[in-house]
Amino acid sequence: MIQIIPAIDLIDGKCVRLMQGDFEQKRVYSDDPVSTAKEFEAAGLKRLHIVDLDGARNGTPANTGVLAAIARETTLEIDFGGGIRTTDDFRLVIDSGAKIVNIGSVAVKEPDLFFSWLNEFGSDSILLGADTNAGKIAINGWQTKTVVELISFLKTYTERGGQQAFVTDIAKDGALEGPATELYAEIRAFVPQLKIIASGGVSKLDDIDKLEKIGCRGVIIGKAIYEGRITLEELTKYQCSQNV
């Protein structure tokens, strides 16, 4: 079964959501991300996706204190990303309690460094974040467009030992208009060995079921939970899925 991965996006230590990566379209959902994480855990969810938006924008992790508090107060398996640019940043995130480090911009801008991390820390410790707009990769918290083709980017990643990636269609994120099912089906066709975690656009249980049928191994859900489109109780049927 597909694994449900709730999301906490952080700005100034608060849980927020952006619309299509636009920092000017920000909504604060909670001043207490630890309590939010505890609610996810109490509902039986096992994993948590944390995005340090301050870090993504400024180029250095800024919310590792929140990460450490959530890791200390829950048993959730945490993947964390945002602003990780150096090996010291990577180690800081691991030492702060993340089991998996999300890497996006460095994989594009400094591939040699990225693949050195893959070799040093292992594929289980790295989750590639591939954010895309019209088939091209975007980096730096979605603020910078590139000419890098998504499919070829993912192929190279798997050929060099990568196993898992979360792929976000920026146009879908925060819009609650359904996930990019055609995009994920295309990735499955061209890079079948990749464990895909879908991200963006999920607004109802039917969206999750469609992603599972495509073969996505996990789905990140944020706004739909915070706005009550999908309740934590409704997600109980997916809880037997423990691992991506």
Protein backbone atom coordinates (compact mmCIF):
# COMPACT_ATOMS: atom_id res chain seq x y z
CA MET A 1 0.00 0.00 0.00
CA ILE A 2 0.94 3.61 -0.43
CA GLN A 3 2.42 5.37 2.59
CA ILE A 4 0.82 8.58 3.86
CA ILE A 5 3.40 11.23 4.73
CA PRO A 6 2.02 14.39 6.36
CA ALA A 7 3.96 17.57 5.74
CA ILE A 8 5.08 20.38 8.00
CA ASP A 9 6.49 23.42 6.20
CA LEU A 10 8.33 25.80 8.51
CA ILE A 11 8.81 29.56 8.47
CA ASP A 12 9.97 31.23 11.68
CA GLY A 13 9.29 27.98 13.54
CA LYS A 14 5.60 27.94 12.53
CA CYS A 15 3.63 25.53 10.36
CA VAL A 16 2.71 27.25 7.12
CA ARG A 17 1.65 26.47 3.58
CA LEU A 18 2.55 28.39 0.45
CA MET A 19 0.64 28.56 -2.82
CA GLN A 20 2.81 27.20 -5.63
CA GLY A 21 5.97 28.10 -3.73
CA ASP A 22 5.10 31.79 -3.47
CA PHE A 23 6.39 33.19 -0.18
CA GLU A 24 3.96 36.11 -0.58
CA GLN A 25 1.05 33.65 -0.47
CA LYS A 26 1.66 32.24 2.99
CA ARG A 27 -0.86 30.94 5.50
CA VAL A 28 0.08 30.03 9.07
CA TYR A 29 -1.72 26.92 10.34
CA SER A 30 -0.02 26.40 13.69
CA ASP A 31 2.41 28.13 16.00
CA ASP A 32 3.30 24.77 17.56
CA PRO A 33 4.73 22.26 15.06
CA VAL A 34 5.57 19.79 17.83
CA SER A 35 1.89 19.52 18.78
CA THR A 36 0.99 19.15 15.11
CA ALA A 37 3.48 16.31 14.75
CA LYS A 38 2.07 14.64 17.86
CA GLU A 39 -1.40 14.74 16.29
CA PHE A 40 -0.08 12.93 13.24
CA GLU A 41 1.57 10.33 15.45
CA ALA A 42 -1.58 9.87 17.54
CA ALA A 43 -3.52 9.16 14.34
CA GLY A 44 -1.17 6.26 13.62
CA LEU A 45 0.96 7.88 10.94
CA LYS A 46 4.59 6.81 10.99
CA ARG A 47 6.49 9.31 8.91
CA LEU A 48 6.79 13.08 8.67
CA HIS A 49 8.06 15.33 5.88
CA ILE A 50 9.54 18.61 7.11
CA VAL A 51 10.49 21.46 4.80
CA ASP A 52 12.59 24.27 6.22
CA LEU A 53 11.38 27.09 3.97
CA ASP A 54 13.62 29.62 5.71
CA GLY A 55 16.55 27.35 4.93
CA ALA A 56 15.48 26.83 1.33
CA ARG A 57 15.25 30.56 0.76
CA ASN A 58 18.42 31.55 2.62
CA GLY A 59 20.71 28.62 1.78
CA THR A 60 21.34 27.26 5.27
CA PRO A 61 19.15 25.18 7.63
CA ALA A 62 17.26 27.47 9.99
CA ASN A 63 14.75 25.25 11.81
CA THR A 64 16.85 22.36 13.10
CA GLY A 65 15.75 23.24 16.64
CA VAL A 66 12.17 22.43 15.67
CA LEU A 67 13.37 19.23 14.02
CA ALA A 68 15.18 18.21 17.20
CA ALA A 69 12.10 18.92 19.33
CA ILE A 70 9.83 16.83 17.10
CA ALA A 71 12.37 13.99 17.01
CA ARG A 72 12.63 14.12 20.79
CA GLU A 73 8.88 14.27 21.44
CA THR A 74 7.68 11.71 18.86
CA THR A 75 8.73 8.42 17.29
CA LEU A 76 7.98 9.61 13.75
CA GLU A 77 10.47 8.80 11.02
CA ILE A 78 11.41 12.27 9.82
CA ASP A 79 12.70 13.37 6.46
CA PHE A 80 13.94 16.96 6.48
CA GLY A 81 15.10 19.37 3.83
CA GLY A 82 15.72 23.00 3.07
CA GLY A 83 18.99 24.89 2.74
CA ILE A 84 21.32 21.91 2.98
CA ARG A 85 24.38 22.95 1.01
CA THR A 86 27.39 21.41 2.78
CA THR A 87 28.40 18.13 4.38
CA ASP A 88 28.26 19.87 7.76
CA ASP A 89 24.65 20.86 7.04
CA PHE A 90 23.88 17.24 6.17
CA ARG A 91 25.39 15.95 9.39
CA LEU A 92 23.62 18.65 11.42
CA VAL A 93 20.24 17.51 10.10
CA ILE A 94 21.00 13.86 10.89
CA ASP A 95 22.31 14.76 14.34
CA SER A 96 19.17 16.83 14.97
CA GLY A 97 16.99 13.77 14.53
CA ALA A 98 16.16 13.31 10.86
CA LYS A 99 16.49 9.79 9.51
CA ILE A 100 16.39 10.96 5.90
CA VAL A 101 17.76 14.16 4.37
CA ASN A 102 15.92 15.79 1.47
CA ILE A 103 18.23 17.20 -1.16
CA GLY A 104 17.15 19.25 -4.16
CA SER A 105 19.25 22.22 -5.23
CA VAL A 106 22.66 20.67 -4.53
CA ALA A 107 21.82 17.68 -6.72
CA VAL A 108 21.46 20.08 -9.65
CA LYS A 109 24.11 22.69 -8.85
CA GLU A 110 26.81 20.46 -7.34
CA PRO A 111 26.20 16.90 -8.52
CA ASP A 112 29.66 15.68 -7.49
CA LEU A 113 29.00 16.74 -3.91
CA PHE A 114 25.53 15.25 -3.98
CA PHE A 115 26.72 11.87 -5.22
CA SER A 116 29.52 11.89 -2.65
CA TRP A 117 26.80 12.13 0.00
CA LEU A 118 24.94 9.27 -1.65
CA ASN A 119 28.08 7.16 -1.44
CA GLU A 120 29.00 8.22 2.10
CA PHE A 121 25.62 8.15 3.81
CA GLY A 122 23.79 5.58 1.67
CA SER A 123 20.65 5.71 -0.44
CA ASP A 124 18.41 5.04 2.58
CA SER A 125 19.51 8.35 4.08
CA ILE A 126 18.81 10.52 1.05
CA LEU A 127 15.51 11.54 -0.51
CA LEU A 128 15.93 13.45 -3.74
CA GLY A 129 13.55 16.38 -4.05
CA ALA A 130 12.70 16.97 -7.71
CA ASP A 131 10.52 20.05 -8.10
CA THR A 132 9.32 20.59 -11.63
CA ASN A 133 7.62 23.21 -13.74
CA ALA A 134 6.65 22.21 -17.28
CA GLY A 135 9.05 19.27 -17.23
CA LYS A 136 12.07 21.26 -16.04
CA ILE A 137 13.68 21.27 -12.60
CA ALA A 138 13.29 24.28 -10.30
CA ILE A 139 15.66 24.88 -7.36
CA ASN A 140 16.29 27.25 -4.45
CA GLY A 141 12.85 26.80 -2.91
CA TRP A 142 11.28 26.86 -6.40
CA GLN A 143 12.56 30.38 -6.95
CA THR A 144 15.05 29.47 -9.71
CA LYS A 145 14.07 27.75 -12.94
CA THR A 146 16.63 25.57 -14.74
CA VAL A 147 16.88 23.90 -18.14
CA VAL A 148 17.44 20.47 -16.55
CA GLU A 149 14.95 17.90 -17.85
CA LEU A 150 13.13 16.04 -15.07
CA ILE A 151 13.14 12.55 -16.59
CA SER A 152 16.83 12.55 -17.52
CA PHE A 153 17.64 13.97 -14.09
CA LEU A 154 15.81 11.10 -12.37
CA LYS A 155 17.40 8.51 -14.67
CA THR A 156 20.89 9.70 -13.78
CA TYR A 157 20.00 9.62 -10.09
CA THR A 158 18.88 5.99 -10.17
CA GLU A 159 21.77 4.91 -12.40
CA ARG A 160 24.18 6.19 -9.75
CA GLY A 161 22.49 4.41 -6.86
CA GLY A 162 19.57 6.63 -5.83
CA GLN A 163 16.40 4.84 -4.85
CA GLN A 164 13.74 7.30 -3.76
CA ALA A 165 12.53 10.76 -4.76
CA PHE A 166 9.61 13.01 -4.06
CA VAL A 167 8.44 14.81 -7.14
CA THR A 168 6.40 18.00 -6.93
CA ASP A 169 4.60 19.59 -9.85
CA ILE A 170 4.81 23.20 -8.71
CA ALA A 171 1.63 24.12 -10.58
CA LYS A 172 -0.28 21.61 -8.45
CA ASP A 173 1.15 22.47 -5.05
CA GLY A 174 -1.31 24.03 -2.65
CA ALA A 175 -4.01 24.27 -5.33
CA LEU A 176 -6.06 21.28 -4.08
CA GLU A 177 -6.95 20.50 -7.69
CA GLY A 178 -5.63 16.95 -7.85
CA PRO A 179 -2.10 15.52 -8.17
CA ALA A 180 -0.01 15.29 -11.33
CA THR A 181 -1.03 11.71 -12.12
CA GLU A 182 0.08 11.86 -15.77
CA LEU A 183 3.52 13.08 -14.72
CA TYR A 184 3.95 10.26 -12.20
CA ALA A 185 2.78 7.68 -14.74
CA GLU A 186 5.38 9.01 -17.18
CA ILE A 187 8.12 8.73 -14.58
CA ARG A 188 7.03 5.18 -13.77
CA ALA A 189 7.28 4.31 -17.45
CA PHE A 190 10.75 5.78 -18.01
CA VAL A 191 12.33 5.22 -14.57
CA PRO A 192 10.47 2.16 -13.23
CA GLN A 193 13.03 1.34 -10.54
CA LEU A 194 12.55 4.70 -8.78
CA LYS A 195 10.47 4.77 -5.61
CA ILE A 196 8.24 7.78 -6.25
CA ILE A 197 6.67 9.86 -3.52
CA ALA A 198 3.97 12.10 -4.94
CA SER A 199 3.69 15.66 -3.69
CA GLY A 200 1.22 18.42 -4.43
CA GLY A 201 -2.46 18.77 -5.29
CA VAL A 202 -3.99 15.97 -3.20
CA SER A 203 -7.43 17.04 -1.96
CA LYS A 204 -9.41 13.83 -1.46
CA LEU A 205 -9.01 10.12 -0.81
CA ASP A 206 -9.66 9.30 -4.46
CA ASP A 207 -6.46 11.17 -5.35
CA ILE A 208 -4.50 8.87 -3.06
CA ASP A 209 -6.08 5.78 -4.58
CA LYS A 210 -5.17 6.95 -8.09
CA LEU A 211 -1.56 7.51 -7.06
CA GLU A 212 -1.42 4.05 -5.52
CA LYS A 213 -2.71 2.48 -8.73
CA ILE A 214 -0.01 4.27 -10.72
CA GLY A 215 2.60 2.74 -8.45
CA CYS A 216 3.64 5.66 -6.25
CA ARG A 217 5.17 4.38 -3.05
CA GLY A 218 4.16 7.33 -0.90
CA VAL A 219 2.24 10.59 -0.95
CA ILE A 220 2.99 13.81 0.89
CA ILE A 221 -0.14 15.59 2.12
CA GLY A 222 -0.20 19.04 3.71
CA LYS A 223 -2.86 21.58 2.91
CA ALA A 224 -5.65 19.01 2.46
CA ILE A 225 -5.15 17.86 6.05
CA TYR A 226 -4.79 21.35 7.50
CA GLU A 227 -7.96 22.57 5.80
CA GLY A 228 -10.00 19.48 6.65
CA ARG A 229 -10.42 18.22 3.09
CA ILE A 230 -8.99 14.92 4.32
CA THR A 231 -9.22 14.01 7.99
CA LEU A 232 -6.64 12.03 9.89
CA GLU A 233 -9.39 9.52 10.72
CA GLU A 234 -10.01 8.93 7.00
CA LEU A 235 -6.36 8.06 6.53
CA THR A 236 -6.50 5.10 8.92
CA LYS A 237 -7.06 2.60 6.10
CA TYR A 238 -3.58 3.37 4.78
CA GLN A 239 -1.80 3.00 8.10
CA CYS A 240 -0.73 -0.59 7.56
CA SER A 241 1.79 0.76 5.05
CA GLN A 242 4.91 1.35 7.09
CA ASN A 243 7.70 1.80 4.59
CA VAL A 244 8.32 3.57 1.31
